[in-house]
Each structure stands twice: as structure tokens, then as C-alpha cells.
Amino acid sequence: MTLVVILISLAVALQSIEHILLQRKLRDLDPWGSGQAGDGLYLALQWLRLAAALAAGISQHWAPTVVMAVATYLTAVRHRGTFNGGSDTVTIHVLIALGTSQIWPQLEIHALIYIAVFASLSYFAAGVAKLFSVSWRSGAALSQFLLFSNAAFPNRFTAAVRRRPDITRKWSWVAMGWEILFPLALFFPAAAWIFLVSGVAFHLLNFYFFGLNRFFWAWLATYPAIALVSQQKLFL
């Protein structure tokens, strides 16, 4: 659980810094107020969240974890939903499970199982959703994401995607298969290491091609729980 605390605290700290740096650009989205008052409230929330993340990484007391969870939820409310998709959802779920285990230590194993199952099912659900999408099965969805991503990547890759649409079709099926089969990591230790190592590569590629930096840290924080559940065979 200690490694989960450190990783999720790092994720929240980086998220807070990101929000602080983007504060001026996001000024118009503030439903709590207008002008400097609203900006100040939002900025104070981010500094509070950053301080809690730093404290949680040092003390591992339940209070900083609860502050992180509440501040992350309020940040999502401010943006009328999650700021960066599923990564915010994962962060909140991990923090709730973590805070529960810190307040009631006897529930630590249950919290770890919850984190592991939630993360694994998030991959599975994403894979199933893609499988039922014609654009994903054909590779068209991945092509569109790659060609019109906000993240920068080599021009020669863009040209390759346009010349060889079969490339994205093959990788779409690889991604779908990997996501759907991910829950096997919970039952087989050997499979767990394969999925976790490939998962790091998967999220790094998503960061490189799509700029999804938050996804890397949010899901990485769940990996120690997945590894522990698998190694100790808590489902068998």
C-alpha cells in the first residue's frame, strides 16, 4: 500500500501543478465566481491539493488523502465533469479506497482488491467499447486520433498512417485484445507482469502520441495493487 500512496500522491501533485500553471487560461470556466475572487478560490484549492499530496507522500496519514480526494472531486465539479477523462475518475477511486484503508487498517486488503479490480475492469470496459465500435474495428478511429492529435509526433508517422491504413487496423485489434484480456493479470502472476510491463509501454505511447500524461500516472498508481492481488492469489 505504501507504493500506492507514493504513486497516487505523485499523480495528484503533478495534476495540481498542471492546474496551477493553467489557471489563467481556465479562468472563464469557473462556476464558483467571476474575476479575481473565483480565480483565487480555484488557485487556493490547487495549492491545498498540492500540499496534501506532499504531506501524504511523507506521513501516509489519512487526513492528506481525504483532502486530496475532496479537492480532486471539487476540481472536477469546477470543470463540470472530469478535466482529463478517465484519469480523474481513477484518481478519485484510488484516493477513496486508500483513505478508507488508512482510517480502518483492517480493510487494507479489501482496498487493494478494490483498486486492482477497478483498474482491470476499466481496461476491460474500454476494450469492449472499442470492440463494438465499427470505426475501431476498421482502424479508422485510431487513424483519426493519430492524424488529428494535439500532441506532436514525427511527420513521417503521419505519412505512414495515410499510406498504410492497415497498420492502424492491426494495432487497433492489438489494443482491443490487450485491454479485454487485462483482467487475467488478477489471476495469474506471470500474466500480471506481462500486462503491467506492457501497460507502462501502452501509457507511454499514449502520452507520446496523444498527450495523455495524466493517464500514465493515474493508472501506474494502481499497478502495485494489481501485482499484489495476483502474487498473493487473493482471487484463488
C-alpha atoms as a PDB file:
ATOM      1  CA  MET A   1       0.000   0.000   0.000  1.00  0.00           C
ATOM      2  CA  THR A   2       2.942   2.335   0.647  1.00  0.00           C
ATOM      3  CA  LEU A   3       3.886   2.328  -3.039  1.00  0.00           C
ATOM      4  CA  VAL A   4       0.275   3.088  -3.997  1.00  0.00           C
ATOM      5  CA  VAL A   5       0.340   6.085  -1.626  1.00  0.00           C
ATOM      6  CA  ILE A   6       3.563   7.417  -3.123  1.00  0.00           C
ATOM      7  CA  LEU A   7       2.441   6.985  -6.735  1.00  0.00           C
ATOM      8  CA  ILE A   8      -1.032   8.464  -6.304  1.00  0.00           C
ATOM      9  CA  SER A   9       0.443  11.358  -4.310  1.00  0.00           C
ATOM     10  CA  LEU A  10       2.859  12.000  -7.163  1.00  0.00           C
ATOM     11  CA  ALA A  11      -0.030  11.859  -9.651  1.00  0.00           C
ATOM     12  CA  VAL A  12      -2.095  14.338  -7.626  1.00  0.00           C
ATOM     13  CA  ALA A  13       0.890  16.648  -7.127  1.00  0.00           C
ATOM     14  CA  LEU A  14       1.540  16.764 -10.870  1.00  0.00           C
ATOM     15  CA  GLN A  15      -2.166  17.326 -11.556  1.00  0.00           C
ATOM     16  CA  SER A  16      -2.214  20.213  -9.076  1.00  0.00           C
ATOM     17  CA  ILE A  17       0.852  21.830 -10.613  1.00  0.00           C
ATOM     18  CA  GLU A  18      -0.727  21.468 -14.050  1.00  0.00           C
ATOM     19  CA  HIS A  19      -3.902  23.208 -12.878  1.00  0.00           C
ATOM     20  CA  ILE A  20      -1.920  25.994 -11.218  1.00  0.00           C
ATOM     21  CA  LEU A  21       0.008  26.639 -14.431  1.00  0.00           C
ATOM     22  CA  LEU A  22      -3.188  26.575 -16.488  1.00  0.00           C
ATOM     23  CA  GLN A  23      -5.183  28.687 -14.030  1.00  0.00           C
ATOM     24  CA  ARG A  24      -5.267  31.853 -16.105  1.00  0.00           C
ATOM     25  CA  LYS A  25      -6.270  30.033 -19.282  1.00  0.00           C
ATOM     26  CA  LEU A  26      -9.129  28.299 -17.484  1.00  0.00           C
ATOM     27  CA  ARG A  27     -10.476  31.430 -15.801  1.00  0.00           C
ATOM     28  CA  ASP A  28     -13.684  31.545 -17.848  1.00  0.00           C
ATOM     29  CA  LEU A  29     -14.707  28.039 -16.756  1.00  0.00           C
ATOM     30  CA  ASP A  30     -15.136  28.957 -13.078  1.00  0.00           C
ATOM     31  CA  PRO A  31     -18.734  28.410 -11.861  1.00  0.00           C
ATOM     32  CA  TRP A  32     -17.833  29.476  -8.304  1.00  0.00           C
ATOM     33  CA  GLY A  33     -17.387  33.119  -9.075  1.00  0.00           C
ATOM     34  CA  SER A  34     -16.075  35.577 -11.606  1.00  0.00           C
ATOM     35  CA  GLY A  35     -12.938  37.621 -11.860  1.00  0.00           C
ATOM     36  CA  GLN A  36     -10.229  37.531  -9.230  1.00  0.00           C
ATOM     37  CA  ALA A  37     -12.439  36.073  -6.467  1.00  0.00           C
ATOM     38  CA  GLY A  38     -13.217  32.939  -8.427  1.00  0.00           C
ATOM     39  CA  ASP A  39      -9.658  32.642  -9.641  1.00  0.00           C
ATOM     40  CA  GLY A  40      -8.319  32.957  -6.122  1.00  0.00           C
ATOM     41  CA  LEU A  41     -10.631  30.245  -4.788  1.00  0.00           C
ATOM     42  CA  TYR A  42      -9.646  27.854  -7.542  1.00  0.00           C
ATOM     43  CA  LEU A  43      -5.939  28.587  -7.102  1.00  0.00           C
ATOM     44  CA  ALA A  44      -6.182  28.106  -3.327  1.00  0.00           C
ATOM     45  CA  LEU A  45      -7.827  24.728  -3.911  1.00  0.00           C
ATOM     46  CA  GLN A  46      -4.951  23.625  -6.132  1.00  0.00           C
ATOM     47  CA  TRP A  47      -2.306  24.751  -3.649  1.00  0.00           C
ATOM     48  CA  LEU A  48      -4.195  22.909  -0.900  1.00  0.00           C
ATOM     49  CA  ARG A  49      -4.286  19.776  -3.047  1.00  0.00           C
ATOM     50  CA  LEU A  50      -0.573  20.069  -3.792  1.00  0.00           C
ATOM     51  CA  ALA A  51       0.261  20.495  -0.089  1.00  0.00           C
ATOM     52  CA  ALA A  52      -1.889  17.456   0.752  1.00  0.00           C
ATOM     53  CA  ALA A  53      -0.125  15.377  -1.907  1.00  0.00           C
ATOM     54  CA  LEU A  54       3.273  16.275  -0.496  1.00  0.00           C
ATOM     55  CA  ALA A  55       2.114  15.557   3.057  1.00  0.00           C
ATOM     56  CA  ALA A  56       0.588  12.207   2.060  1.00  0.00           C
ATOM     57  CA  GLY A  57       3.843  11.089   0.478  1.00  0.00           C
ATOM     58  CA  ILE A  58       5.664  11.805   3.721  1.00  0.00           C
ATOM     59  CA  SER A  59       3.276  10.931   6.550  1.00  0.00           C
ATOM     60  CA  GLN A  60       0.809   8.490   4.915  1.00  0.00           C
ATOM     61  CA  HIS A  61      -1.835   9.729   7.372  1.00  0.00           C
ATOM     62  CA  TRP A  62      -5.480   9.553   6.345  1.00  0.00           C
ATOM     63  CA  ALA A  63      -6.092  13.317   6.539  1.00  0.00           C
ATOM     64  CA  PRO A  64      -3.993  14.339   3.484  1.00  0.00           C
ATOM     65  CA  THR A  65      -5.586  11.524   1.490  1.00  0.00           C
ATOM     66  CA  VAL A  66      -9.079  12.743   2.335  1.00  0.00           C
ATOM     67  CA  VAL A  67      -8.095  16.308   1.432  1.00  0.00           C
ATOM     68  CA  MET A  68      -6.729  15.094  -1.912  1.00  0.00           C
ATOM     69  CA  ALA A  69      -9.930  13.164  -2.634  1.00  0.00           C
ATOM     70  CA  VAL A  70     -12.223  16.081  -1.786  1.00  0.00           C
ATOM     71  CA  ALA A  71     -10.056  18.618  -3.627  1.00  0.00           C
ATOM     72  CA  THR A  72      -9.879  16.393  -6.706  1.00  0.00           C
ATOM     73  CA  TYR A  73     -13.657  15.983  -6.669  1.00  0.00           C
ATOM     74  CA  LEU A  74     -14.193  19.744  -6.314  1.00  0.00           C
ATOM     75  CA  THR A  75     -11.762  20.330  -9.175  1.00  0.00           C
ATOM     76  CA  ALA A  76     -13.867  18.006 -11.332  1.00  0.00           C
ATOM     77  CA  VAL A  77     -17.014  19.893 -10.276  1.00  0.00           C
ATOM     78  CA  ARG A  78     -15.358  23.141 -11.275  1.00  0.00           C
ATOM     79  CA  HIS A  79     -14.898  21.823 -14.786  1.00  0.00           C
ATOM     80  CA  ARG A  80     -18.435  20.429 -14.859  1.00  0.00           C
ATOM     81  CA  GLY A  81     -17.057  16.900 -15.046  1.00  0.00           C
ATOM     82  CA  THR A  82     -13.617  15.352 -15.226  1.00  0.00           C
ATOM     83  CA  PHE A  83     -10.845  17.592 -16.507  1.00  0.00           C
ATOM     84  CA  ASN A  84      -8.882  14.853 -18.222  1.00  0.00           C
ATOM     85  CA  GLY A  85     -11.287  11.990 -18.748  1.00  0.00           C
ATOM     86  CA  GLY A  86     -10.826   8.657 -17.033  1.00  0.00           C
ATOM     87  CA  SER A  87      -7.624   9.618 -15.249  1.00  0.00           C
ATOM     88  CA  ASP A  88      -9.554  11.862 -12.846  1.00  0.00           C
ATOM     89  CA  THR A  89     -12.058   9.080 -12.204  1.00  0.00           C
ATOM     90  CA  VAL A  90      -9.274   6.595 -11.442  1.00  0.00           C
ATOM     91  CA  THR A  91      -7.548   9.111  -9.173  1.00  0.00           C
ATOM     92  CA  ILE A  92     -10.694   9.685  -7.105  1.00  0.00           C
ATOM     93  CA  HIS A  93     -11.443   5.957  -6.771  1.00  0.00           C
ATOM     94  CA  VAL A  94      -7.881   5.183  -5.689  1.00  0.00           C
ATOM     95  CA  LEU A  95      -7.932   8.000  -3.146  1.00  0.00           C
ATOM     96  CA  ILE A  96     -11.258   6.855  -1.680  1.00  0.00           C
ATOM     97  CA  ALA A  97     -10.017   3.268  -1.329  1.00  0.00           C
ATOM     98  CA  LEU A  98      -6.703   4.459   0.060  1.00  0.00           C
ATOM     99  CA  GLY A  99      -8.334   6.804   2.583  1.00  0.00           C
ATOM    100  CA  THR A 100     -10.672   4.019   3.704  1.00  0.00           C
ATOM    101  CA  SER A 101      -7.743   1.682   4.366  1.00  0.00           C
ATOM    102  CA  GLN A 102      -5.872   4.380   6.286  1.00  0.00           C
ATOM    103  CA  ILE A 103      -8.843   5.136   8.535  1.00  0.00           C
ATOM    104  CA  TRP A 104      -9.679   1.448   9.004  1.00  0.00           C
ATOM    105  CA  PRO A 105      -6.407  -0.528   8.590  1.00  0.00           C
ATOM    106  CA  GLN A 106      -8.280  -3.838   8.818  1.00  0.00           C
ATOM    107  CA  LEU A 107      -9.746  -3.044   5.404  1.00  0.00           C
ATOM    108  CA  GLU A 108      -6.391  -2.618   3.669  1.00  0.00           C
ATOM    109  CA  ILE A 109      -6.571  -5.882   1.730  1.00  0.00           C
ATOM    110  CA  HIS A 110     -10.115  -5.079   0.635  1.00  0.00           C
ATOM    111  CA  ALA A 111      -8.968  -1.641  -0.529  1.00  0.00           C
ATOM    112  CA  LEU A 112      -6.131  -3.148  -2.543  1.00  0.00           C
ATOM    113  CA  ILE A 113      -8.507  -5.636  -4.143  1.00  0.00           C
ATOM    114  CA  TYR A 114     -10.904  -2.813  -4.989  1.00  0.00           C
ATOM    115  CA  ILE A 115      -8.156  -0.763  -6.640  1.00  0.00           C
ATOM    116  CA  ALA A 116      -6.889  -3.781  -8.597  1.00  0.00           C
ATOM    117  CA  VAL A 117     -10.352  -4.825  -9.786  1.00  0.00           C
ATOM    118  CA  PHE A 118     -11.406  -1.275 -10.652  1.00  0.00           C
ATOM    119  CA  ALA A 119      -8.286  -0.657 -12.744  1.00  0.00           C
ATOM    120  CA  SER A 120      -8.500  -4.020 -14.504  1.00  0.00           C
ATOM    121  CA  LEU A 121     -12.175  -3.574 -15.330  1.00  0.00           C
ATOM    122  CA  SER A 122     -11.503  -0.077 -16.631  1.00  0.00           C
ATOM    123  CA  TYR A 123      -9.214  -1.601 -19.261  1.00  0.00           C
ATOM    124  CA  PHE A 124     -11.736  -4.355 -19.976  1.00  0.00           C
ATOM    125  CA  ALA A 125     -14.626  -1.906 -20.402  1.00  0.00           C
ATOM    126  CA  ALA A 126     -12.549   0.268 -22.729  1.00  0.00           C
ATOM    127  CA  GLY A 127     -11.665  -2.757 -24.856  1.00  0.00           C
ATOM    128  CA  VAL A 128     -15.264  -3.979 -25.082  1.00  0.00           C
ATOM    129  CA  ALA A 129     -16.483  -0.495 -26.034  1.00  0.00           C
ATOM    130  CA  LYS A 130     -13.917  -0.379 -28.845  1.00  0.00           C
ATOM    131  CA  LEU A 131     -14.873  -3.875 -29.971  1.00  0.00           C
ATOM    132  CA  PHE A 132     -18.466  -2.789 -30.534  1.00  0.00           C
ATOM    133  CA  SER A 133     -17.347   0.260 -32.497  1.00  0.00           C
ATOM    134  CA  VAL A 134     -17.115  -0.179 -36.268  1.00  0.00           C
ATOM    135  CA  SER A 135     -14.588   2.655 -36.544  1.00  0.00           C
ATOM    136  CA  TRP A 136     -12.276   0.974 -34.045  1.00  0.00           C
ATOM    137  CA  ARG A 137     -12.556  -2.456 -35.665  1.00  0.00           C
ATOM    138  CA  SER A 138     -11.681  -0.945 -39.049  1.00  0.00           C
ATOM    139  CA  GLY A 139      -8.809   1.127 -37.666  1.00  0.00           C
ATOM    140  CA  ALA A 140     -10.452   4.396 -38.747  1.00  0.00           C
ATOM    141  CA  ALA A 141     -10.832   5.681 -35.170  1.00  0.00           C
ATOM    142  CA  LEU A 142      -7.157   5.190 -34.339  1.00  0.00           C
ATOM    143  CA  SER A 143      -6.170   6.823 -37.633  1.00  0.00           C
ATOM    144  CA  GLN A 144      -8.261   9.874 -36.834  1.00  0.00           C
ATOM    145  CA  PHE A 145      -6.819  10.149 -33.334  1.00  0.00           C
ATOM    146  CA  LEU A 146      -3.275   9.902 -34.664  1.00  0.00           C
ATOM    147  CA  LEU A 147      -3.751  12.329 -37.549  1.00  0.00           C
ATOM    148  CA  PHE A 148      -5.559  14.987 -35.555  1.00  0.00           C
ATOM    149  CA  SER A 149      -3.963  14.602 -32.126  1.00  0.00           C
ATOM    150  CA  ASN A 150      -2.949  17.735 -30.234  1.00  0.00           C
ATOM    151  CA  ALA A 151       0.331  16.082 -29.331  1.00  0.00           C
ATOM    152  CA  ALA A 152       3.311  16.460 -31.637  1.00  0.00           C
ATOM    153  CA  PHE A 153       4.827  13.415 -33.283  1.00  0.00           C
ATOM    154  CA  PRO A 154       7.084  12.849 -36.317  1.00  0.00           C
ATOM    155  CA  ASN A 155       5.636  13.852 -39.697  1.00  0.00           C
ATOM    156  CA  ARG A 156       6.857  10.617 -41.235  1.00  0.00           C
ATOM    157  CA  PHE A 157       4.492   8.738 -38.924  1.00  0.00           C
ATOM    158  CA  THR A 158       1.552  10.794 -40.178  1.00  0.00           C
ATOM    159  CA  ALA A 159       2.513   9.969 -43.753  1.00  0.00           C
ATOM    160  CA  ALA A 160       2.772   6.260 -42.891  1.00  0.00           C
ATOM    161  CA  VAL A 161      -0.723   6.259 -41.400  1.00  0.00           C
ATOM    162  CA  ARG A 162      -2.137   7.808 -44.550  1.00  0.00           C
ATOM    163  CA  ARG A 163      -0.285   5.385 -46.824  1.00  0.00           C
ATOM    164  CA  ARG A 164      -0.992   2.227 -44.820  1.00  0.00           C
ATOM    165  CA  PRO A 165      -4.437   2.206 -43.163  1.00  0.00           C
ATOM    166  CA  ASP A 166      -3.918  -1.482 -42.425  1.00  0.00           C
ATOM    167  CA  ILE A 167      -1.313  -0.504 -39.821  1.00  0.00           C
ATOM    168  CA  THR A 168      -3.851   1.217 -37.617  1.00  0.00           C
ATOM    169  CA  ARG A 169      -6.356  -1.610 -38.119  1.00  0.00           C
ATOM    170  CA  LYS A 170      -3.851  -4.167 -36.831  1.00  0.00           C
ATOM    171  CA  TRP A 171      -2.826  -2.022 -33.856  1.00  0.00           C
ATOM    172  CA  SER A 172      -6.475  -1.314 -33.049  1.00  0.00           C
ATOM    173  CA  TRP A 173      -7.077  -5.043 -32.680  1.00  0.00           C
ATOM    174  CA  VAL A 174      -3.911  -5.431 -30.614  1.00  0.00           C
ATOM    175  CA  ALA A 175      -5.071  -2.666 -28.277  1.00  0.00           C
ATOM    176  CA  MET A 176      -8.584  -4.096 -28.006  1.00  0.00           C
ATOM    177  CA  GLY A 177      -7.293  -7.598 -27.290  1.00  0.00           C
ATOM    178  CA  TRP A 178      -4.832  -6.310 -24.710  1.00  0.00           C
ATOM    179  CA  GLU A 179      -7.491  -4.311 -22.870  1.00  0.00           C
ATOM    180  CA  ILE A 180     -10.092  -7.089 -22.908  1.00  0.00           C
ATOM    181  CA  LEU A 181      -7.617  -9.689 -21.633  1.00  0.00           C
ATOM    182  CA  PHE A 182      -6.118  -7.435 -18.941  1.00  0.00           C
ATOM    183  CA  PRO A 183      -8.229  -8.916 -16.064  1.00  0.00           C
ATOM    184  CA  LEU A 184      -6.197 -12.127 -16.473  1.00  0.00           C
ATOM    185  CA  ALA A 185      -3.490 -10.225 -14.591  1.00  0.00           C
ATOM    186  CA  LEU A 186      -5.559 -10.613 -11.428  1.00  0.00           C
ATOM    187  CA  PHE A 187      -5.456 -14.419 -11.559  1.00  0.00           C
ATOM    188  CA  PHE A 188      -2.044 -15.342 -12.974  1.00  0.00           C
ATOM    189  CA  PRO A 189       1.199 -13.829 -11.609  1.00  0.00           C
ATOM    190  CA  ALA A 190       3.101 -14.451 -14.867  1.00  0.00           C
ATOM    191  CA  ALA A 191       0.363 -12.732 -16.839  1.00  0.00           C
ATOM    192  CA  ALA A 192       0.335  -9.873 -14.340  1.00  0.00           C
ATOM    193  CA  TRP A 193       3.946  -8.948 -15.050  1.00  0.00           C
ATOM    194  CA  ILE A 194       3.379  -9.166 -18.803  1.00  0.00           C
ATOM    195  CA  PHE A 195       0.339  -6.890 -18.634  1.00  0.00           C
ATOM    196  CA  LEU A 196       1.906  -4.455 -16.176  1.00  0.00           C
ATOM    197  CA  VAL A 197       5.125  -4.038 -18.148  1.00  0.00           C
ATOM    198  CA  SER A 198       3.228  -3.707 -21.411  1.00  0.00           C
ATOM    199  CA  GLY A 199       0.823  -1.357 -19.625  1.00  0.00           C
ATOM    200  CA  VAL A 200       3.670   1.042 -18.841  1.00  0.00           C
ATOM    201  CA  ALA A 201       4.629   0.987 -22.529  1.00  0.00           C
ATOM    202  CA  PHE A 202       0.960   1.404 -23.531  1.00  0.00           C
ATOM    203  CA  HIS A 203       0.532   4.557 -21.458  1.00  0.00           C
ATOM    204  CA  LEU A 204       3.882   5.980 -22.514  1.00  0.00           C
ATOM    205  CA  LEU A 205       2.819   5.622 -26.150  1.00  0.00           C
ATOM    206  CA  ASN A 206      -0.495   7.283 -25.344  1.00  0.00           C
ATOM    207  CA  PHE A 207       1.418  10.128 -23.765  1.00  0.00           C
ATOM    208  CA  TYR A 208       3.713  10.475 -26.761  1.00  0.00           C
ATOM    209  CA  PHE A 209       1.055  10.321 -29.465  1.00  0.00           C
ATOM    210  CA  PHE A 210      -1.958  11.830 -27.702  1.00  0.00           C
ATOM    211  CA  GLY A 211      -0.501  13.887 -24.857  1.00  0.00           C
ATOM    212  CA  LEU A 212      -2.311  11.810 -22.206  1.00  0.00           C
ATOM    213  CA  ASN A 213       0.271  12.408 -19.495  1.00  0.00           C
ATOM    214  CA  ARG A 214      -2.206  12.136 -16.612  1.00  0.00           C
ATOM    215  CA  PHE A 215      -3.308   8.659 -17.658  1.00  0.00           C
ATOM    216  CA  PHE A 216       0.212   7.329 -17.182  1.00  0.00           C
ATOM    217  CA  TRP A 217       0.471   8.407 -13.538  1.00  0.00           C
ATOM    218  CA  ALA A 218      -3.135   7.624 -12.545  1.00  0.00           C
ATOM    219  CA  TRP A 219      -3.080   4.039 -13.794  1.00  0.00           C
ATOM    220  CA  LEU A 220       0.512   3.445 -12.704  1.00  0.00           C
ATOM    221  CA  ALA A 221      -0.638   4.079  -9.124  1.00  0.00           C
ATOM    222  CA  THR A 222      -2.943   1.044  -9.412  1.00  0.00           C
ATOM    223  CA  TYR A 223      -0.259  -1.352 -10.638  1.00  0.00           C
ATOM    224  CA  PRO A 224       1.195  -2.262  -7.207  1.00  0.00           C
ATOM    225  CA  ALA A 225      -2.280  -3.332  -6.099  1.00  0.00           C
ATOM    226  CA  ILE A 226      -2.727  -5.474  -9.215  1.00  0.00           C
ATOM    227  CA  ALA A 227       0.669  -7.091  -8.688  1.00  0.00           C
ATOM    228  CA  LEU A 228      -0.063  -7.842  -5.018  1.00  0.00           C
ATOM    229  CA  VAL A 229      -3.528  -9.283  -5.689  1.00  0.00           C
ATOM    230  CA  SER A 230      -2.079 -11.529  -8.388  1.00  0.00           C
ATOM    231  CA  GLN A 231       1.014 -12.647  -6.447  1.00  0.00           C
ATOM    232  CA  GLN A 232      -0.934 -13.468  -3.304  1.00  0.00           C
ATOM    233  CA  LYS A 233      -3.673 -15.123  -5.381  1.00  0.00           C
ATOM    234  CA  LEU A 234      -6.412 -13.337  -3.471  1.00  0.00           C
ATOM    235  CA  PHE A 235      -8.996 -14.482  -6.031  1.00  0.00           C
ATOM    236  CA  LEU A 236      -7.993 -18.145  -5.994  1.00  0.00           C
END
